[in-house]
Amino acid sequence: MTGPVIGWLATRKRLPRWAAIGWNVAGLLLLANIVIISLLSAPTPFQVFKYEPGNTIITQFPFVWLPGFLVPLAYALHLFSLRQWSAMDKTAVPAGQASIRV
């Protein structure tokens, strides 16, 4: 739910670099948490969380889009964003401002 706000701030250059990187790392950690819980809840031999009914709804359409497409897409977009923010020059001078080098 914070994605649109963070995106708007980032495109307006109102978001510090550290905040964008932190938000992406937090997003990756939350995704990892959900994936681990869902794997441990699935009806497999290493199932830890045993709830009734079993976690089989994600094998049916349209819910199969969650683990098959949306979760990998979210991981990829967070990683691409982290790569982009990490590659930005920390010492870049905003456009229109001259820098004096000694």
Protein backbone atom coordinates (compact mmCIF):
# COMPACT_ATOMS: atom_id res chain seq x y z
CA MET A 1 0.00 0.00 0.00
CA THR A 2 2.99 2.30 0.35
CA GLY A 3 4.26 1.63 -3.16
CA PRO A 4 2.35 4.41 -4.94
CA VAL A 5 3.40 6.96 -2.31
CA ILE A 6 7.06 5.90 -2.45
CA GLY A 7 6.96 5.91 -6.26
CA TRP A 8 5.43 9.38 -6.34
CA LEU A 9 8.04 10.74 -3.92
CA ALA A 10 10.88 9.10 -5.85
CA THR A 11 9.78 10.51 -9.20
CA ARG A 12 9.52 13.99 -7.67
CA LYS A 13 13.05 13.67 -6.22
CA ARG A 14 11.67 14.11 -2.69
CA LEU A 15 12.78 10.71 -1.42
CA PRO A 16 16.26 10.28 0.03
CA ARG A 17 18.37 7.52 -1.44
CA TRP A 18 18.64 5.70 1.91
CA ALA A 19 14.84 5.70 2.30
CA ALA A 20 14.29 4.16 -1.14
CA ILE A 21 16.88 1.45 -0.50
CA GLY A 22 15.41 0.78 2.95
CA TRP A 23 11.89 0.54 1.56
CA ASN A 24 13.01 -1.98 -1.07
CA VAL A 25 14.90 -4.08 1.48
CA ALA A 26 11.85 -4.07 3.76
CA GLY A 27 9.69 -5.15 0.82
CA LEU A 28 12.04 -8.03 0.03
CA LEU A 29 12.03 -9.14 3.67
CA LEU A 30 8.24 -9.08 3.79
CA LEU A 31 8.04 -11.09 0.57
CA ALA A 32 10.51 -13.64 1.94
CA ASN A 33 8.41 -13.92 5.11
CA ILE A 34 5.24 -14.62 3.13
CA VAL A 35 6.95 -17.15 0.86
CA ILE A 36 8.42 -19.04 3.83
CA ILE A 37 5.08 -19.13 5.66
CA SER A 38 3.26 -20.29 2.53
CA LEU A 39 5.81 -23.04 1.88
CA LEU A 40 5.57 -24.25 5.47
CA SER A 41 1.75 -24.21 5.23
CA ALA A 42 1.53 -26.15 1.96
CA PRO A 43 0.46 -29.79 2.17
CA THR A 44 3.92 -31.29 1.67
CA PRO A 45 6.08 -33.65 3.75
CA PHE A 46 7.76 -30.66 5.45
CA GLN A 47 4.48 -28.97 6.41
CA VAL A 48 4.83 -27.23 9.77
CA PHE A 49 1.63 -25.20 10.02
CA LYS A 50 -1.28 -27.63 9.84
CA TYR A 51 -4.54 -25.80 9.35
CA GLU A 52 -7.79 -27.21 8.12
CA PRO A 53 -8.62 -26.92 5.32
CA GLY A 54 -5.18 -27.24 3.77
CA ASN A 55 -3.49 -24.52 1.76
CA THR A 56 -4.50 -25.88 -1.65
CA ILE A 57 -6.42 -22.89 -3.00
CA ILE A 58 -3.25 -21.51 -4.60
CA THR A 59 -3.26 -24.46 -7.01
CA GLN A 60 -6.50 -23.30 -8.63
CA PHE A 61 -7.12 -20.56 -11.17
CA PRO A 62 -6.93 -17.53 -10.68
CA PHE A 63 -4.99 -17.92 -7.41
CA VAL A 64 -2.18 -19.77 -9.18
CA TRP A 65 -1.11 -16.35 -10.48
CA LEU A 66 0.08 -15.43 -6.97
CA PRO A 67 3.00 -17.88 -6.62
CA GLY A 68 3.48 -18.33 -10.35
CA PHE A 69 3.67 -14.75 -11.53
CA LEU A 70 3.01 -12.00 -8.99
CA VAL A 71 5.51 -13.03 -6.30
CA PRO A 72 8.41 -13.46 -8.79
CA LEU A 73 7.42 -10.15 -10.39
CA ALA A 74 7.49 -8.40 -7.02
CA TYR A 75 10.93 -9.87 -6.25
CA ALA A 76 12.25 -8.81 -9.66
CA LEU A 77 10.92 -5.26 -9.40
CA HIS A 78 12.37 -4.79 -5.90
CA LEU A 79 15.75 -6.14 -7.05
CA PHE A 80 15.78 -3.96 -10.18
CA SER A 81 14.88 -0.92 -8.09
CA LEU A 82 17.64 -1.72 -5.59
CA ARG A 83 20.12 -2.09 -8.42
CA GLN A 84 19.08 1.24 -9.88
CA TRP A 85 19.24 3.09 -6.54
CA SER A 86 22.58 1.47 -5.68
CA ALA A 87 24.09 2.46 -9.03
CA MET A 88 23.18 6.13 -8.62
CA ASP A 89 26.17 8.33 -7.99
CA LYS A 90 26.15 9.53 -4.39
CA THR A 91 28.07 12.65 -5.31
CA ALA A 92 25.96 13.67 -8.28
CA VAL A 93 25.21 17.36 -8.51
CA PRO A 94 21.58 18.26 -9.33
CA ALA A 95 21.04 19.72 -12.79
CA GLY A 96 21.55 23.45 -12.99
CA GLN A 97 24.02 23.62 -10.12
CA ALA A 98 27.70 24.08 -10.85
CA SER A 99 30.24 22.24 -8.77
CA ILE A 100 33.58 23.70 -7.78
CA ARG A 101 36.41 21.21 -7.60
CA VAL A 102 39.62 22.09 -5.83
